Protein backbone atom coordinates (compact mmCIF):
# COMPACT_ATOMS: atom_id res chain seq x y z
CA MET A 1 0.00 0.00 0.00
CA THR A 2 1.48 3.35 -1.03
CA ASN A 3 -1.57 5.56 -0.59
CA LEU A 4 -4.22 5.57 2.12
CA ARG A 5 -7.85 6.21 1.19
CA ALA A 6 -9.21 8.50 3.87
CA GLY A 7 -12.69 9.57 4.87
CA ILE A 8 -13.40 12.36 7.34
CA ILE A 9 -16.53 12.92 9.41
CA GLY A 10 -16.99 16.41 10.81
CA VAL A 11 -15.28 19.23 8.91
CA GLY A 12 -16.35 22.22 10.95
CA GLY A 13 -14.03 23.52 13.69
CA TYR A 14 -11.10 21.20 14.43
CA GLY A 15 -12.12 18.86 11.62
CA ALA A 16 -11.37 21.65 9.15
CA GLY A 17 -7.79 21.66 10.43
CA ILE A 18 -7.55 17.88 9.98
CA LEU A 19 -8.78 18.18 6.40
CA ALA A 20 -6.25 20.96 5.71
CA ALA A 21 -3.47 18.75 7.12
CA LEU A 22 -4.53 15.82 4.91
CA GLU A 23 -4.27 18.09 1.87
CA ASN A 24 -0.54 18.51 2.58
CA ILE A 25 0.29 14.86 3.24
CA GLU A 26 0.89 12.92 0.04
CA LEU A 27 0.32 9.58 1.82
CA PHE A 28 -3.45 10.23 1.96
CA SER A 29 -6.16 10.55 -0.66
CA VAL A 30 -9.33 12.08 0.76
CA THR A 31 -12.12 10.17 -0.98
CA ALA A 32 -15.15 10.93 1.23
CA ILE A 33 -16.29 13.85 3.40
CA ALA A 34 -19.28 13.91 5.74
CA ASP A 35 -20.83 16.68 7.80
CA GLN A 36 -24.29 17.46 9.12
CA ASN A 37 -24.01 20.69 7.17
CA ARG A 38 -24.85 19.28 3.75
CA GLU A 39 -23.73 22.38 1.86
CA LEU A 40 -20.35 22.46 3.61
CA ALA A 41 -19.77 18.75 2.94
CA HIS A 42 -20.70 19.17 -0.72
CA ASP A 43 -18.48 22.21 -1.27
CA LEU A 44 -15.43 20.63 0.36
CA ALA A 45 -15.99 17.30 -1.37
CA GLN A 46 -16.18 19.04 -4.73
CA ARG A 47 -12.87 20.79 -4.03
CA HIS A 48 -11.19 17.49 -3.09
CA GLU A 49 -12.90 15.42 -5.80
CA ALA A 50 -14.38 13.33 -2.99
CA ALA A 51 -17.82 11.89 -2.31
CA PRO A 52 -20.03 14.12 -0.09
CA TYR A 53 -22.25 12.74 2.68
CA ASP A 54 -24.50 14.18 5.34
CA ASP A 55 -25.08 10.68 6.79
CA TYR A 56 -21.88 9.37 8.40
CA ARG A 57 -23.20 5.80 8.37
CA SER A 58 -23.44 5.84 4.59
CA LEU A 59 -19.88 7.10 4.30
CA ILE A 60 -18.50 4.28 6.46
CA VAL A 61 -20.61 1.53 4.90
CA GLN A 62 -20.44 2.53 1.23
CA GLU A 63 -16.94 3.94 0.78
CA PRO A 64 -13.86 1.69 0.29
CA LEU A 65 -11.64 3.33 2.91
CA ASP A 66 -8.44 2.53 4.75
CA VAL A 67 -8.63 5.26 7.39
CA LEU A 68 -11.42 7.20 9.06
CA PHE A 69 -10.80 10.60 10.66
CA LEU A 70 -13.43 11.30 13.29
CA ALA A 71 -13.92 14.92 14.41
CA LEU A 72 -17.27 14.69 16.15
CA PRO A 73 -18.35 15.32 19.75
CA THR A 74 -17.59 12.13 21.65
CA PHE A 75 -21.25 11.42 22.42
CA MET A 76 -21.83 11.05 18.67
CA CYS A 77 -18.97 8.59 18.09
CA ARG A 78 -20.25 5.21 19.30
CA GLU A 79 -22.01 4.11 16.11
CA CYS A 80 -19.20 5.48 13.94
CA LEU A 81 -16.62 3.47 15.86
CA ASN A 82 -18.73 0.30 15.81
CA LEU A 83 -19.17 0.52 12.04
CA ALA A 84 -15.53 1.41 11.45
CA ALA A 85 -14.32 -1.55 13.51
CA LYS A 86 -16.63 -3.90 11.61
CA LYS A 87 -15.18 -2.64 8.34
CA LYS A 88 -11.65 -2.94 9.79
CA LEU A 89 -10.82 0.71 9.27
CA HIS A 90 -8.01 2.45 11.09
CA VAL A 91 -9.39 5.41 13.06
CA PHE A 92 -7.94 8.76 14.11
CA LYS A 93 -10.25 10.40 16.66
CA THR A 94 -10.08 13.85 18.20
CA ALA A 95 -9.56 13.94 21.97
CA PRO A 96 -10.82 12.91 24.42
CA LEU A 97 -10.78 9.14 24.02
CA ALA A 98 -14.13 8.79 25.79
CA ARG A 99 -16.42 10.32 28.39
CA SER A 100 -16.00 7.51 30.92
CA LEU A 101 -13.93 4.43 31.66
CA PRO A 102 -16.63 1.94 30.62
CA GLU A 103 -16.95 3.73 27.28
CA ALA A 104 -13.17 3.89 26.87
CA THR A 105 -12.59 0.19 27.60
CA GLU A 106 -15.48 -0.77 25.30
CA TRP A 107 -13.85 1.04 22.37
CA ILE A 108 -10.34 -0.17 23.11
CA LYS A 109 -11.55 -3.79 23.10
CA LEU A 110 -13.51 -3.16 19.91
CA PHE A 111 -10.42 -2.16 17.93
CA LYS A 112 -8.21 -4.74 19.56
CA LYS A 113 -10.64 -7.36 18.28
CA SER A 114 -10.70 -5.84 14.78
CA GLN A 115 -6.86 -5.69 14.77
CA THR A 116 -6.85 -2.14 13.44
CA ARG A 117 -5.23 1.02 14.76
CA PHE A 118 -7.21 3.38 16.97
CA GLN A 119 -5.36 6.66 17.43
CA ILE A 120 -6.31 9.64 19.60
CA ASP A 121 -5.29 13.19 18.73
CA THR A 122 -2.33 14.20 20.95
CA PRO A 123 -0.91 17.46 19.53
CA ASN A 124 1.12 18.30 22.63
CA ARG A 125 3.35 15.26 22.13
CA PHE A 126 4.39 16.74 18.76
CA ALA A 127 4.82 20.35 19.89
CA PRO A 128 8.60 20.96 19.81
CA GLY A 129 8.80 22.56 23.26
CA TYR A 130 6.94 19.74 25.01
CA LEU A 131 8.73 17.06 22.98
CA ASP A 132 12.14 18.55 23.81
CA ALA A 133 11.16 18.71 27.49
CA HIS A 134 10.15 15.04 27.46
CA GLN A 135 13.50 14.03 25.98
CA LYS A 136 15.43 16.07 28.54
CA LEU A 137 13.37 14.71 31.42
CA THR A 138 13.98 11.17 30.16
CA GLN A 139 17.70 12.01 30.34
CA GLN A 140 17.15 13.22 33.94
CA ARG A 141 18.48 16.69 33.14
CA LEU A 142 16.69 18.06 36.22
CA GLY A 143 17.54 15.20 38.57
CA GLN A 144 14.62 13.96 40.68
CA ILE A 145 11.39 15.77 39.81
CA TYR A 146 9.45 16.86 42.88
CA LEU A 147 6.94 19.34 41.42
CA ALA A 148 5.14 19.78 38.09
CA GLN A 149 2.69 22.56 37.24
CA VAL A 150 0.46 23.23 34.25
CA GLN A 151 -1.56 26.36 33.63
CA LEU A 152 -4.17 26.55 30.86
CA LEU A 153 -6.37 29.62 30.51
CA LEU A 154 -8.50 30.45 27.48
CA GLN A 155 -11.77 31.97 26.39
CA PHE A 156 -13.73 29.20 24.71
CA ASP A 157 -16.05 30.49 22.01
CA GLY A 158 -17.35 27.18 20.66
CA ASP A 159 -20.71 25.46 20.91
CA PHE A 160 -21.92 25.10 24.51
CA SER A 161 -25.29 23.61 23.53
CA TRP A 162 -24.00 20.12 24.33
CA ARG A 163 -20.84 20.97 26.30
CA GLY A 164 -23.00 22.27 29.14
CA ASP A 165 -24.79 18.93 29.47
CA PRO A 166 -22.88 16.57 31.81
CA ILE A 167 -24.49 13.51 30.21
CA LEU A 168 -23.75 14.40 26.60
CA ALA A 169 -20.37 16.04 27.21
CA GLY A 170 -19.17 13.87 30.08
CA GLY A 171 -17.47 16.93 31.58
CA GLY A 172 -16.38 20.48 30.97
CA VAL A 173 -13.01 22.18 30.67
CA LEU A 174 -11.16 19.32 32.41
CA LEU A 175 -12.27 16.74 29.85
CA GLU A 176 -12.51 18.94 26.76
CA GLU A 177 -9.51 21.29 27.04
CA ALA A 178 -7.21 20.04 29.81
CA TYR A 179 -7.23 16.45 28.53
CA ASN A 180 -4.03 16.74 26.47
CA PHE A 181 -2.22 18.51 29.32
CA ILE A 182 -3.14 15.70 31.69
CA ASP A 183 -1.71 13.42 29.01
CA LEU A 184 1.53 15.45 29.11
CA LEU A 185 1.84 15.07 32.88
CA LEU A 186 1.27 11.31 32.72
CA TRP A 187 3.63 10.98 29.71
CA ASN A 188 6.43 12.49 31.78
CA LEU A 189 5.62 11.33 35.30
CA GLY A 190 3.67 8.07 34.98
CA THR A 191 0.28 7.21 36.46
CA PRO A 192 -0.59 9.11 39.64
CA GLU A 193 -1.34 7.30 42.87
CA SER A 194 -3.90 9.75 44.26
CA ILE A 195 -5.95 12.65 42.90
CA TYR A 196 -7.68 15.63 44.46
CA SER A 197 -9.76 18.09 42.45
CA LEU A 198 -11.89 21.18 42.94
CA ASN A 199 -14.25 22.25 40.15
CA SER A 200 -16.37 25.35 39.68
CA ALA A 201 -19.07 26.57 37.31
CA ALA A 202 -19.48 29.96 38.96
CA CYS A 203 -18.64 31.90 35.83
CA SER A 204 -20.79 29.91 33.41
CA ARG A 205 -23.80 30.13 35.72
CA ARG A 206 -23.91 33.82 34.85
CA THR A 207 -24.27 33.05 31.13
CA LEU A 208 -27.52 32.48 29.29
CA PRO A 209 -28.45 29.74 29.20
CA PRO A 210 -26.44 28.49 32.19
CA TYR A 211 -24.71 25.16 31.78
CA ARG A 212 -23.96 22.36 34.20
CA THR A 213 -20.36 21.33 33.53
CA GLU A 214 -17.30 22.89 35.12
CA ASP A 215 -15.67 25.94 33.55
CA THR A 216 -12.74 26.04 36.00
CA ALA A 217 -10.81 23.25 37.71
CA VAL A 218 -7.76 22.71 39.88
CA LEU A 219 -6.33 19.20 39.86
CA THR A 220 -3.59 17.96 42.20
CA MET A 221 -1.95 14.57 41.74
CA LYS A 222 0.60 12.59 43.73
CA PHE A 223 2.87 10.51 41.51
CA PRO A 224 5.30 7.71 42.38
CA ASN A 225 8.50 8.91 44.10
CA SER A 226 6.45 11.60 45.91
CA THR A 227 6.27 13.92 42.89
CA ILE A 228 3.36 16.38 43.12
CA GLY A 229 1.62 17.59 39.97
CA ASN A 230 -0.83 20.46 39.76
CA LEU A 231 -3.03 21.62 36.88
CA THR A 232 -5.09 24.81 36.83
CA CYS A 233 -7.47 25.35 33.93
CA SER A 234 -10.35 27.60 32.90
CA TRP A 235 -12.08 28.29 29.61
CA MET A 236 -13.54 31.59 30.79
CA SER A 237 -10.34 33.68 30.79
CA ALA A 238 -8.76 35.51 27.85
CA PRO A 239 -6.17 35.80 26.37
CA ARG A 240 -5.00 32.21 26.02
CA GLN A 241 -2.11 31.21 28.25
CA GLU A 242 -0.55 27.77 28.46
CA SER A 243 2.66 26.77 30.17
CA MET A 244 4.30 23.89 31.99
CA LEU A 245 6.89 23.87 34.77
CA PHE A 246 9.02 21.06 36.19
CA CYS A 247 11.09 21.50 39.35
CA GLY A 248 13.85 19.00 40.10
CA THR A 249 16.72 18.57 42.49
CA ASP A 250 19.13 19.86 39.79
CA GLY A 251 17.12 22.75 38.39
CA ARG A 252 13.87 24.07 36.93
CA MET A 253 12.40 23.80 33.43
CA GLU A 254 9.81 26.18 31.95
CA ILE A 255 8.07 25.06 28.76
CA THR A 256 5.55 26.31 26.21
CA PRO A 257 4.74 24.66 22.86
CA ASN A 258 7.51 26.69 21.19
CA SER A 259 10.05 27.35 23.92
CA LEU A 260 12.07 25.71 26.67
CA LYS A 261 14.17 27.24 29.44
CA ILE A 262 16.28 25.48 32.05
CA PHE A 263 17.56 27.22 35.20
CA ASP A 264 20.12 25.76 37.58
CA THR A 265 19.58 25.64 41.34
CA ASP A 266 21.04 29.17 41.67
CA GLY A 267 18.53 30.56 39.17
CA ASN A 268 20.96 30.93 36.28
CA LEU A 269 19.53 30.37 32.79
CA THR A 270 21.52 27.48 31.30
CA VAL A 271 19.37 26.46 28.32
CA HIS A 272 17.06 28.62 26.19
CA GLU A 273 15.54 27.08 23.09
CA GLN A 274 12.90 28.60 20.82
CA PHE A 275 10.98 27.05 17.93
CA GLN A 276 8.84 28.47 15.14
CA THR A 277 5.72 26.34 14.65
CA ASP A 278 1.96 26.75 14.79
CA PRO A 279 -0.90 24.42 15.79
CA GLN A 280 -1.63 23.49 12.17
CA TRP A 281 1.99 22.40 11.56
CA ILE A 282 1.90 20.32 14.75
CA LEU A 283 -1.37 18.66 13.69
CA GLN A 284 0.15 17.84 10.31
CA GLN A 285 3.19 16.22 11.93
CA GLN A 286 1.14 13.85 14.07
CA ILE A 287 -1.13 12.85 11.19
CA ARG A 288 1.91 12.18 9.00
CA HIS A 289 3.38 10.01 11.75
CA PHE A 290 0.07 8.14 11.98
CA ALA A 291 0.25 7.45 8.23
CA ASP A 292 3.84 6.26 8.55
CA SER A 293 2.84 3.84 11.33
CA LEU A 294 0.09 2.39 9.13
CA LEU A 295 2.33 1.94 6.10
CA ASP A 296 5.26 0.55 8.08
CA GLN A 297 4.24 -1.80 10.90
CA GLN A 298 7.73 -1.44 12.40
CA ILE A 299 6.93 2.17 13.33
CA GLU A 300 5.20 2.36 16.70
CA PRO A 301 2.31 4.84 16.83
CA VAL A 302 2.60 7.67 19.33
CA ALA A 303 0.07 7.29 22.15
CA PRO A 304 -2.35 4.72 20.71
CA ALA A 305 -5.80 4.78 22.26
CA ALA A 306 -5.01 2.16 24.91
CA GLU A 307 -2.45 4.53 26.44
CA HIS A 308 -5.24 7.06 26.93
CA LEU A 309 -7.07 4.84 29.41
CA ALA A 310 -4.97 6.38 32.17
CA ASN A 311 -6.01 9.90 31.10
CA VAL A 312 -9.69 8.94 31.27
CA ALA A 313 -9.17 7.24 34.64
CA VAL A 314 -7.53 10.36 36.07
CA ILE A 315 -10.31 12.63 34.83
CA GLU A 316 -13.04 10.30 36.10
CA SER A 317 -11.31 10.20 39.48
CA ALA A 318 -11.02 14.00 39.44
CA TYR A 319 -14.77 14.35 38.95
CA LEU A 320 -15.38 11.87 41.76
CA SER A 321 -13.01 13.81 44.01
CA ALA A 322 -14.79 17.08 43.21
CA ARG A 323 -18.09 15.49 44.27
CA THR A 324 -16.79 13.88 47.46
CA GLN A 325 -14.30 16.66 48.26
CA MET A 326 -11.86 13.90 49.14
CA PRO A 327 -8.71 12.55 47.45
CA GLU A 328 -9.35 9.53 45.24
CA ASN A 329 -7.07 6.60 44.44
CA LEU A 330 -6.73 5.00 41.01
CA LYS A 331 -6.35 1.54 42.56
CA VAL A 332 -10.13 1.21 42.51
CA TYR A 333 -9.84 0.45 38.80
CA GLY A 334 -8.08 -2.86 39.40
CA ASN A 335 -6.57 -4.35 36.25
CA LEU A 336 -7.72 -1.52 33.97
CA PHE A 337 -4.26 -1.00 32.52
CA ASP A 338 -3.74 -4.65 31.65
CA LEU A 339 -5.22 -3.88 28.22
CA GLU A 340 -2.34 -3.70 25.79
CA PRO A 341 -2.05 -1.03 23.06
């Protein structure tokens, strides 16, 4: 196989970025496009010489595809994933993996049975600043890490019609926006032992209509070796700010998607690296890597869906902690992580 026949479902919002990335990757041929907006699907399909659909089921069943790109709200994904697994399609899905652990494990088992790849969007693992930080932490450039902090603030201007519903959405800013930053913490520090979270919807209750998922959250985690991780996030605060900090016995590291600084224990700047990328370039890199892993089975995919089970477990525990106002322990999930990627 030298070319992958791709279909995409959902081309508004983030899906538009996925489609733009596919245009610039010669390993894919976009042959089918589906969206609830029939006019949008038709216009984009005409531009790509692809088949247009407003019924995603018809796209999956009728089109001879190799890969399906799924850019839908997670509550709309179950039937798509079931049909895709039956047709033995590889799937690239936007984050999060799922709204709950039962849903996540159901889908992981589905694709394990079909023996096809199930990939979740993880742009932060391809952002040069975060990738460089991971490599340096693996080399123990900071010694023993004792503290990690993430801050994510933004003004979300998307559709709250379903994001405000805890049943449809599964959660608010923690699940929808902080998901990939929780993934970063776990990628670098491992699975936490205990979790404590405080959530608030005070700001969104003043909007019309009010919604019932959190708009602000603070999440504290204790990792093995006594490392403490903290994440603060809100999607009611502009302008956008995102940053990550690691403190170790040999120094401190400050990271953004396009920069990395290391300070020694006396506060002297010893490393300062800057990169010139944008979110679209990062998205294109991870989709290209996904294609490479499909065409060459010797290439391991970055963060296949099974690795995301830990992210979902942490978020589900965080919501439980916010309700009980007590720390929660991941051990309650037993052999959850015995599922192999």
